[in-house]
Amino acid sequence: MKDLFDKLRERRGPLGQYSKQTHGYFMFPKLEGDVSPRMKFRGKEVLNWSLNNYLGLANHPEVRKADADGAAQFGMALPMGARMMSGDSNYHQQLESELAAFVMKQDAVLVNFGYQGMVSAIDCLVDRHDIIVYDAEAHACIVDGVRLHMGKRFAYNHNDMESLEKLLQRAEANVKDTDGSILVITEGVFGMSGKQGKLKEIVELKKKYNFRLFVDDAHGIGTMGKTGAGTGEEQGCQDGIDVYFGTFAKSFALIGGFLAGDENMVEYLRYNMRSQIFAKSLPMPIVIGALKRLELMRNHPEYKANLWKIVNALQDGLIKAGFEIGGTQSPVTPIYLNGTVPEATNVTFDLRENYGIFCSIVVYPVVPKGIILLRIIPTAVHTLEDVEYSIKAFSEVNKKLKAGQYSRETMAVI
């Protein structure tokens, strides 16, 4: 019999196997300074395309003041308990009410972390008699929530409505025997490809099949739709989303999140979601900070307009320069290159050290072998000059890649 820790040493995992070569540079890098397009990496200023600060609120003076005032008034300890026991407040309730109104739902409930909230909500909503049908390229938080499900679960081909419909037919046949229900789960915006989930088409399928729709709109809230209410608003089908999830970790530049929908469903989550009823309430400064961010989001549509000005300039410029950016329909901007993992590290090293550009690198197993994905996250506080410089740099690096200048047997030496 092996010791558990012996197995851990032998099985480092698909990313952990590179930990010695990548830690502190390609993985777990440290960015320093105020959150902005220009930050310090290893003592050098870099143009940063790797922060989920879509609307530029992270370093907004009103946001910084609200965060500081909240901490000064309440400290980080209050409220000292779970919401159900001793951790509720007027501010928590106010934030839930305002969030529900913002995404056009009856009610909302806060969660401490987006990832944890999604996992726990899925576990809470279904039992062993129910069936989950979910997009095959759903985020890890959805996959982990589905793994907890004790009933059947079917994955439909990514954004493939024919595949979804076939599985809905199969699910309906199954729940007749279990007296169960069907929950369909997808994303509003897929965080790697930038594609929108086909929410409107899924909602249309409700006319033929009896299911509820759960949408993870982490990258959609604040960025999509006329008012920023998300991908459902963008596609004109917000009413058809039964369970709406929004995180504070992207457009809000904070931490935490919320689930919104019908008041009866939200009340059920509030009283049964284990990750919340057995966990400490969100600290007051975070709640105060979220209220300020939501206020700015509602009252300053120019922030979203500025974001999309940068998004459109970046994506149009990349396409004109001959880059493959896939089918993105959102601010998430992937740049697909061909190369190996060692080549990917050398591309990234060159970008950071010689061009002063910091962006996320994604390789196998997140994307197929032979693909290098540079994941670019534009924000409202980037400039058109930033866009112009970056496209020029990416073009030069791509020429080097095609010419074999990054061909190595090993990763870049840090």
Protein backbone atom coordinates (compact mmCIF):
# COMPACT_ATOMS: atom_id res chain seq x y z
CA MET A 1 0.00 0.00 0.00
CA LYS A 2 1.35 3.43 -0.95
CA ASP A 3 1.45 6.42 1.33
CA LEU A 4 -0.93 9.11 0.07
CA PHE A 5 1.84 11.69 -0.16
CA ASP A 6 4.02 9.32 -2.21
CA LYS A 7 1.26 9.26 -4.81
CA LEU A 8 1.11 13.04 -4.80
CA ARG A 9 4.83 13.25 -5.48
CA GLU A 10 4.51 10.85 -8.41
CA ARG A 11 1.38 12.39 -9.91
CA ARG A 12 2.09 16.08 -10.19
CA GLY A 13 -0.94 16.78 -12.37
CA PRO A 14 -1.11 18.24 -15.91
CA LEU A 15 0.05 21.68 -14.75
CA GLY A 16 1.92 20.71 -11.59
CA GLN A 17 4.41 18.65 -13.62
CA TYR A 18 5.87 21.98 -14.80
CA SER A 19 5.91 23.65 -11.39
CA LYS A 20 9.69 23.75 -10.90
CA GLN A 21 10.27 25.41 -14.26
CA THR A 22 7.30 27.77 -14.22
CA HIS A 23 6.57 28.86 -10.63
CA GLY A 24 6.81 32.59 -10.07
CA TYR A 25 7.05 33.47 -13.74
CA PHE A 26 4.62 31.60 -16.01
CA MET A 27 2.48 30.37 -13.12
CA PHE A 28 1.85 32.24 -9.89
CA PRO A 29 3.51 35.45 -11.19
CA LYS A 30 3.50 38.49 -8.92
CA LEU A 31 2.22 41.78 -10.34
CA GLU A 32 2.84 44.81 -8.14
CA GLY A 33 1.45 48.33 -7.90
CA ASP A 34 -2.01 49.83 -8.30
CA VAL A 35 -4.33 47.77 -10.50
CA SER A 36 -3.99 49.37 -13.93
CA PRO A 37 -2.77 48.68 -17.47
CA ARG A 38 0.75 49.53 -16.27
CA MET A 39 2.10 47.46 -13.39
CA LYS A 40 5.43 46.08 -12.20
CA PHE A 41 6.56 42.53 -12.90
CA ARG A 42 9.92 41.52 -11.44
CA GLY A 43 10.82 45.17 -11.02
CA LYS A 44 10.05 46.18 -14.61
CA GLU A 45 6.98 48.06 -15.87
CA VAL A 46 4.75 45.98 -18.12
CA LEU A 47 1.67 46.68 -20.22
CA ASN A 48 -0.83 44.37 -18.56
CA TRP A 49 -3.54 42.52 -20.52
CA SER A 50 -4.24 39.94 -17.85
CA LEU A 51 -6.56 41.48 -15.23
CA ASN A 52 -10.31 40.97 -14.97
CA ASN A 53 -10.95 44.67 -14.40
CA TYR A 54 -13.26 45.20 -17.36
CA LEU A 55 -14.73 48.59 -16.39
CA GLY A 56 -11.59 49.92 -14.74
CA LEU A 57 -13.22 50.14 -11.32
CA ALA A 58 -10.41 48.52 -9.32
CA ASN A 59 -8.47 51.77 -8.93
CA HIS A 60 -11.37 54.22 -9.33
CA PRO A 61 -11.04 56.95 -6.66
CA GLU A 62 -14.64 56.58 -5.47
CA VAL A 63 -14.19 52.83 -5.19
CA ARG A 64 -10.92 53.16 -3.30
CA LYS A 65 -12.58 55.63 -0.91
CA ALA A 66 -15.62 53.38 -0.36
CA ASP A 67 -13.37 50.40 0.34
CA ALA A 68 -11.26 52.42 2.78
CA ASP A 69 -14.27 54.00 4.50
CA GLY A 70 -15.95 50.60 4.86
CA ALA A 71 -12.85 49.10 6.42
CA ALA A 72 -12.38 52.10 8.74
CA GLN A 73 -15.99 52.05 9.92
CA PHE A 74 -16.58 48.30 10.26
CA GLY A 75 -13.22 46.50 10.07
CA MET A 76 -12.90 43.16 8.28
CA ALA A 77 -14.43 41.09 11.08
CA LEU A 78 -18.01 42.37 10.97
CA PRO A 79 -20.38 40.59 10.63
CA MET A 80 -18.86 37.83 12.72
CA GLY A 81 -20.96 34.82 11.77
CA ALA A 82 -22.90 33.07 9.03
CA ARG A 83 -25.79 35.05 7.52
CA MET A 84 -28.41 32.71 8.95
CA MET A 85 -27.07 32.81 12.51
CA SER A 86 -25.57 36.21 13.24
CA GLY A 87 -24.13 37.60 10.01
CA ASP A 88 -26.93 39.53 8.33
CA SER A 89 -27.09 43.31 7.94
CA ASN A 90 -29.12 46.03 6.25
CA TYR A 91 -26.22 46.51 3.83
CA HIS A 92 -26.23 42.86 2.77
CA GLN A 93 -29.97 43.02 2.16
CA GLN A 94 -29.67 46.32 0.29
CA LEU A 95 -26.98 44.90 -2.00
CA GLU A 96 -29.10 41.83 -2.77
CA SER A 97 -32.11 44.00 -3.58
CA GLU A 98 -30.12 46.31 -5.85
CA LEU A 99 -28.41 43.43 -7.64
CA ALA A 100 -31.75 41.72 -8.30
CA ALA A 101 -33.14 44.94 -9.79
CA PHE A 102 -30.01 45.42 -11.90
CA VAL A 103 -30.31 42.00 -13.56
CA MET A 104 -34.12 42.26 -13.73
CA LYS A 105 -34.93 39.44 -11.32
CA GLN A 106 -37.22 39.25 -8.27
CA ASP A 107 -34.55 38.53 -5.67
CA ALA A 108 -30.87 37.72 -5.18
CA VAL A 109 -28.66 36.02 -2.61
CA LEU A 110 -24.99 36.80 -2.00
CA VAL A 111 -22.24 34.18 -2.11
CA ASN A 112 -18.76 34.57 -0.64
CA PHE A 113 -16.86 33.29 -3.69
CA GLY A 114 -18.06 32.85 -7.24
CA TYR A 115 -16.53 29.41 -7.74
CA GLN A 116 -17.77 28.10 -4.41
CA GLY A 117 -21.19 29.66 -4.99
CA MET A 118 -21.67 27.94 -8.35
CA VAL A 119 -20.63 24.55 -7.00
CA SER A 120 -22.89 24.89 -3.97
CA ALA A 121 -25.90 26.23 -5.89
CA ILE A 122 -25.85 23.32 -8.34
CA ASP A 123 -25.60 20.86 -5.46
CA CYS A 124 -28.47 22.64 -3.70
CA LEU A 125 -30.90 22.84 -6.63
CA VAL A 126 -30.95 19.20 -7.72
CA ASP A 127 -31.35 15.81 -6.09
CA ARG A 128 -30.69 12.25 -7.23
CA HIS A 129 -33.99 12.11 -9.14
CA ASP A 130 -33.07 15.10 -11.33
CA ILE A 131 -30.96 15.30 -14.48
CA ILE A 132 -28.39 17.99 -15.33
CA VAL A 133 -27.68 18.81 -18.98
CA TYR A 134 -24.67 21.08 -19.36
CA ASP A 135 -22.34 22.52 -22.01
CA ALA A 136 -19.27 20.33 -22.53
CA GLU A 137 -16.95 23.37 -22.34
CA ALA A 138 -18.47 24.79 -19.17
CA HIS A 139 -16.19 26.40 -16.58
CA ALA A 140 -14.55 24.21 -13.95
CA CYS A 141 -16.91 25.51 -11.24
CA ILE A 142 -19.86 24.09 -13.19
CA VAL A 143 -18.06 20.81 -13.82
CA ASP A 144 -17.23 20.47 -10.12
CA GLY A 145 -20.82 21.25 -9.14
CA VAL A 146 -22.06 18.63 -11.59
CA ARG A 147 -19.62 16.10 -10.11
CA LEU A 148 -21.42 16.41 -6.76
CA HIS A 149 -24.72 15.50 -8.39
CA MET A 150 -25.91 12.03 -7.41
CA GLY A 151 -28.27 11.73 -10.37
CA LYS A 152 -27.61 11.51 -14.09
CA ARG A 153 -25.79 14.26 -15.98
CA PHE A 154 -25.37 14.69 -19.73
CA ALA A 155 -22.88 16.99 -21.47
CA TYR A 156 -23.99 18.42 -24.81
CA ASN A 157 -21.49 19.44 -27.50
CA HIS A 158 -20.31 23.01 -27.02
CA ASN A 159 -22.98 25.50 -28.12
CA ASP A 160 -24.56 22.76 -30.27
CA MET A 161 -28.34 23.07 -30.08
CA GLU A 162 -28.96 19.83 -31.97
CA SER A 163 -26.85 17.98 -29.41
CA LEU A 164 -28.66 19.75 -26.56
CA GLU A 165 -32.08 18.88 -27.96
CA LYS A 166 -31.18 15.19 -28.31
CA LEU A 167 -30.06 15.11 -24.69
CA LEU A 168 -33.20 16.94 -23.55
CA GLN A 169 -35.25 14.22 -25.23
CA ARG A 170 -33.17 11.59 -23.45
CA ALA A 171 -33.47 13.44 -20.15
CA GLU A 172 -37.26 13.75 -20.43
CA ALA A 173 -37.53 10.01 -21.05
CA ASN A 174 -35.40 9.35 -17.95
CA VAL A 175 -37.21 11.68 -15.54
CA LYS A 176 -40.51 10.01 -16.32
CA ASP A 177 -39.16 7.03 -14.39
CA THR A 178 -37.60 9.04 -11.55
CA ASP A 179 -40.30 11.70 -11.17
CA GLY A 180 -37.48 14.20 -11.41
CA SER A 181 -36.73 17.49 -13.14
CA ILE A 182 -34.21 18.83 -15.66
CA LEU A 183 -31.66 21.60 -15.13
CA VAL A 184 -29.73 23.00 -18.13
CA ILE A 185 -26.49 24.82 -17.29
CA THR A 186 -24.38 26.99 -19.58
CA GLU A 187 -22.32 30.17 -19.57
CA GLY A 188 -23.28 33.60 -20.79
CA VAL A 189 -19.75 34.23 -22.04
CA PHE A 190 -17.19 31.43 -22.21
CA GLY A 191 -14.08 32.69 -20.50
CA MET A 192 -11.44 31.20 -22.82
CA SER A 193 -13.00 31.58 -26.27
CA GLY A 194 -15.07 34.71 -25.58
CA LYS A 195 -18.04 33.13 -27.36
CA GLN A 196 -21.52 33.79 -26.01
CA GLY A 197 -23.65 30.86 -24.95
CA LYS A 198 -26.68 30.42 -27.22
CA LEU A 199 -29.04 31.57 -24.50
CA LYS A 200 -31.84 32.76 -26.77
CA GLU A 201 -31.91 29.45 -28.62
CA ILE A 202 -31.88 27.51 -25.36
CA VAL A 203 -34.76 29.60 -24.02
CA GLU A 204 -36.68 28.83 -27.24
CA LEU A 205 -36.32 25.12 -26.47
CA LYS A 206 -38.44 25.68 -23.36
CA LYS A 207 -41.45 25.73 -25.69
CA LYS A 208 -40.80 22.05 -26.46
CA TYR A 209 -39.17 20.76 -23.27
CA ASN A 210 -39.72 21.22 -19.55
CA PHE A 211 -36.47 22.40 -17.95
CA ARG A 212 -34.99 25.26 -15.94
CA LEU A 213 -32.01 27.27 -17.20
CA PHE A 214 -29.01 28.18 -15.03
CA VAL A 215 -26.56 30.68 -16.56
CA ASP A 216 -23.10 31.48 -15.23
CA ASP A 217 -22.63 35.04 -16.51
CA ALA A 218 -19.32 35.82 -14.81
CA HIS A 219 -17.87 37.55 -17.88
CA GLY A 220 -21.21 38.98 -19.03
CA ILE A 221 -22.39 41.07 -16.10
CA GLY A 222 -21.22 44.66 -16.53
CA THR A 223 -19.93 44.08 -20.06
CA MET A 224 -22.91 42.78 -22.05
CA GLY A 225 -26.35 44.22 -22.73
CA LYS A 226 -27.60 47.78 -23.03
CA THR A 227 -27.42 48.43 -19.28
CA GLY A 228 -24.70 45.90 -18.47
CA ALA A 229 -27.21 43.43 -17.04
CA GLY A 230 -25.52 40.62 -18.90
CA THR A 231 -25.66 38.25 -21.82
CA GLY A 232 -29.36 37.54 -21.40
CA GLU A 233 -30.07 41.24 -21.84
CA GLU A 234 -27.69 41.29 -24.83
CA GLN A 235 -29.67 38.50 -26.49
CA GLY A 236 -33.10 39.72 -25.40
CA CYS A 237 -33.91 36.67 -23.29
CA GLN A 238 -33.13 37.66 -19.69
CA ASP A 239 -36.64 36.62 -18.63
CA GLY A 240 -35.93 33.06 -19.78
CA ILE A 241 -32.97 32.63 -17.42
CA ASP A 242 -34.27 30.94 -14.27
CA VAL A 243 -31.08 31.04 -12.20
CA TYR A 244 -28.69 33.90 -12.96
CA PHE A 245 -25.18 33.93 -11.53
CA GLY A 246 -22.94 36.99 -11.48
CA THR A 247 -19.51 37.30 -9.93
CA PHE A 248 -17.84 40.34 -8.34
CA ALA A 249 -14.44 39.10 -9.56
CA LYS A 250 -14.63 40.53 -13.08
CA SER A 251 -16.45 43.82 -13.85
CA PHE A 252 -16.84 44.64 -10.15
CA ALA A 253 -13.09 44.15 -9.50
CA LEU A 254 -13.85 42.65 -6.08
CA ILE A 255 -14.56 39.21 -4.64
CA GLY A 256 -17.80 37.33 -4.04
CA GLY A 257 -20.90 37.05 -6.19
CA PHE A 258 -24.64 36.48 -6.24
CA LEU A 259 -27.42 34.30 -7.58
CA ALA A 260 -30.69 35.85 -8.76
CA GLY A 261 -34.07 34.72 -9.98
CA ASP A 262 -37.58 33.93 -8.82
CA GLU A 263 -38.08 34.89 -5.15
CA ASN A 264 -39.13 31.37 -4.15
CA MET A 265 -36.05 29.83 -5.76
CA VAL A 266 -33.76 32.41 -4.15
CA GLU A 267 -35.35 31.84 -0.75
CA TYR A 268 -34.72 28.12 -1.17
CA LEU A 269 -31.04 28.81 -1.92
CA ARG A 270 -30.80 31.21 1.02
CA TYR A 271 -31.99 28.55 3.46
CA ASN A 272 -30.36 25.49 1.92
CA MET A 273 -27.09 26.41 0.19
CA ARG A 274 -24.51 24.76 2.41
CA SER A 275 -21.59 26.98 1.36
CA GLN A 276 -23.47 29.97 2.78
CA ILE A 277 -25.37 28.69 5.78
CA PHE A 278 -22.20 27.07 7.17
CA ALA A 279 -19.76 29.86 6.23
CA LYS A 280 -19.00 33.34 7.56
CA SER A 281 -20.89 36.18 5.94
CA LEU A 282 -19.21 38.48 3.42
CA PRO A 283 -17.25 41.12 5.40
CA MET A 284 -18.91 44.52 5.56
CA PRO A 285 -16.21 46.42 3.59
CA ILE A 286 -16.73 44.08 0.63
CA VAL A 287 -20.48 44.66 0.73
CA ILE A 288 -20.02 48.45 1.00
CA GLY A 289 -17.52 48.30 -1.86
CA ALA A 290 -19.88 46.26 -4.03
CA LEU A 291 -22.69 48.79 -3.49
CA LYS A 292 -20.41 51.61 -4.69
CA ARG A 293 -19.29 49.62 -7.72
CA LEU A 294 -22.88 48.81 -8.65
CA GLU A 295 -23.80 52.49 -8.31
CA LEU A 296 -21.00 53.48 -10.70
CA MET A 297 -21.94 50.71 -13.11
CA ARG A 298 -25.53 51.94 -13.26
CA ASN A 299 -24.77 55.66 -13.46
CA HIS A 300 -21.77 55.69 -15.80
CA PRO A 301 -22.54 53.88 -19.06
CA GLU A 302 -19.45 55.53 -20.51
CA TYR A 303 -17.29 52.97 -18.67
CA LYS A 304 -18.79 50.14 -20.69
CA ALA A 305 -18.64 52.29 -23.83
CA ASN A 306 -14.92 52.89 -23.25
CA LEU A 307 -14.39 49.17 -22.73
CA TRP A 308 -16.02 48.34 -26.06
CA LYS A 309 -14.06 51.05 -27.86
CA ILE A 310 -10.87 49.27 -26.77
CA VAL A 311 -12.33 45.81 -27.46
CA ASN A 312 -13.37 46.71 -31.00
CA ALA A 313 -10.06 48.42 -31.79
CA LEU A 314 -8.08 45.45 -30.45
CA GLN A 315 -10.10 42.71 -32.10
CA ASP A 316 -10.44 44.52 -35.45
CA GLY A 317 -6.71 45.30 -35.41
CA LEU A 318 -5.74 41.71 -34.66
CA ILE A 319 -7.91 40.39 -37.48
CA LYS A 320 -6.45 42.93 -39.93
CA ALA A 321 -2.96 41.84 -38.82
CA GLY A 322 -3.84 38.26 -39.78
CA PHE A 323 -4.38 36.76 -36.33
CA GLU A 324 -6.90 34.03 -35.55
CA ILE A 325 -9.08 35.15 -32.63
CA GLY A 326 -11.82 32.55 -33.02
CA GLY A 327 -15.48 33.40 -32.64
CA THR A 328 -15.27 35.77 -29.69
CA GLN A 329 -18.40 37.87 -29.15
CA SER A 330 -17.26 39.56 -25.97
CA PRO A 331 -14.30 41.47 -24.49
CA VAL A 332 -12.43 38.18 -23.95
CA THR A 333 -9.88 38.16 -26.78
CA PRO A 334 -8.01 34.92 -27.51
CA ILE A 335 -5.05 34.89 -29.91
CA TYR A 336 -4.49 31.41 -31.31
CA LEU A 337 -0.94 30.51 -32.35
CA ASN A 338 0.61 27.20 -33.36
CA GLY A 339 3.40 25.80 -31.22
CA THR A 340 4.61 23.53 -28.46
CA VAL A 341 4.67 24.13 -24.71
CA PRO A 342 8.40 25.05 -24.74
CA GLU A 343 7.75 27.46 -27.63
CA ALA A 344 4.86 28.98 -25.67
CA THR A 345 7.15 29.75 -22.74
CA ASN A 346 9.73 31.34 -25.02
CA VAL A 347 7.05 33.47 -26.72
CA THR A 348 5.84 34.63 -23.33
CA PHE A 349 9.37 35.30 -22.10
CA ASP A 350 10.11 37.44 -25.16
CA LEU A 351 6.86 39.39 -24.77
CA ARG A 352 7.55 40.14 -21.11
CA GLU A 353 11.27 40.79 -21.20
CA ASN A 354 11.76 42.47 -24.58
CA TYR A 355 8.38 44.01 -25.39
CA GLY A 356 7.15 44.75 -21.86
CA ILE A 357 3.80 43.03 -22.44
CA PHE A 358 2.22 40.82 -19.78
CA CYS A 359 -0.61 38.53 -20.89
CA SER A 360 -1.82 35.09 -19.88
CA ILE A 361 -0.52 32.05 -21.71
CA VAL A 362 -2.74 28.97 -22.06
CA VAL A 363 -1.45 25.60 -23.26
CA TYR A 364 -2.41 21.92 -23.18
CA PRO A 365 -4.45 20.48 -21.43
CA VAL A 366 -6.63 23.63 -21.36
CA VAL A 367 -6.35 23.89 -25.15
CA PRO A 368 -5.46 21.11 -27.64
CA LYS A 369 -1.84 20.05 -28.14
CA GLY A 370 -0.01 22.22 -30.63
CA ILE A 371 -2.00 25.33 -29.77
CA ILE A 372 -0.72 28.36 -27.87
CA LEU A 373 -3.45 30.68 -26.66
CA LEU A 374 -2.62 34.21 -25.59
CA ARG A 375 -5.64 35.36 -23.57
CA ILE A 376 -6.07 39.13 -23.72
CA ILE A 377 -8.45 40.96 -21.37
CA PRO A 378 -9.11 44.55 -22.51
CA THR A 379 -10.38 47.10 -20.01
CA ALA A 380 -11.97 50.54 -20.10
CA VAL A 381 -8.72 52.08 -18.86
CA HIS A 382 -6.51 50.77 -21.65
CA THR A 383 -5.74 53.23 -24.44
CA LEU A 384 -5.75 53.05 -28.23
CA GLU A 385 -1.98 53.53 -28.03
CA ASP A 386 -1.77 50.40 -25.87
CA VAL A 387 -3.72 48.54 -28.55
CA GLU A 388 -1.54 49.78 -31.41
CA TYR A 389 1.71 48.94 -29.63
CA SER A 390 0.51 45.47 -28.61
CA ILE A 391 -0.67 44.45 -32.08
CA LYS A 392 2.72 45.46 -33.49
CA ALA A 393 4.50 43.44 -30.79
CA PHE A 394 2.29 40.37 -31.29
CA SER A 395 2.93 40.56 -35.04
CA GLU A 396 6.70 40.61 -34.57
CA VAL A 397 6.57 37.73 -32.11
CA ASN A 398 4.36 35.69 -34.43
CA LYS A 399 6.88 36.13 -37.26
CA LYS A 400 9.63 34.85 -34.97
CA LEU A 401 7.45 31.88 -33.96
CA LYS A 402 6.76 30.93 -37.59
CA ALA A 403 10.46 31.30 -38.42
CA GLY A 404 11.35 28.81 -35.69
CA GLN A 405 13.20 31.26 -33.49
CA TYR A 406 11.44 29.94 -30.37
CA SER A 407 11.96 26.26 -31.18
CA ARG A 408 13.38 24.60 -28.08
CA GLU A 409 13.39 21.21 -26.45
CA THR A 410 13.00 22.82 -23.04
CA MET A 411 11.11 25.73 -21.55
CA ALA A 412 12.50 29.24 -21.36
CA VAL A 413 15.09 29.64 -18.64
CA ILE A 414 13.85 32.14 -16.07
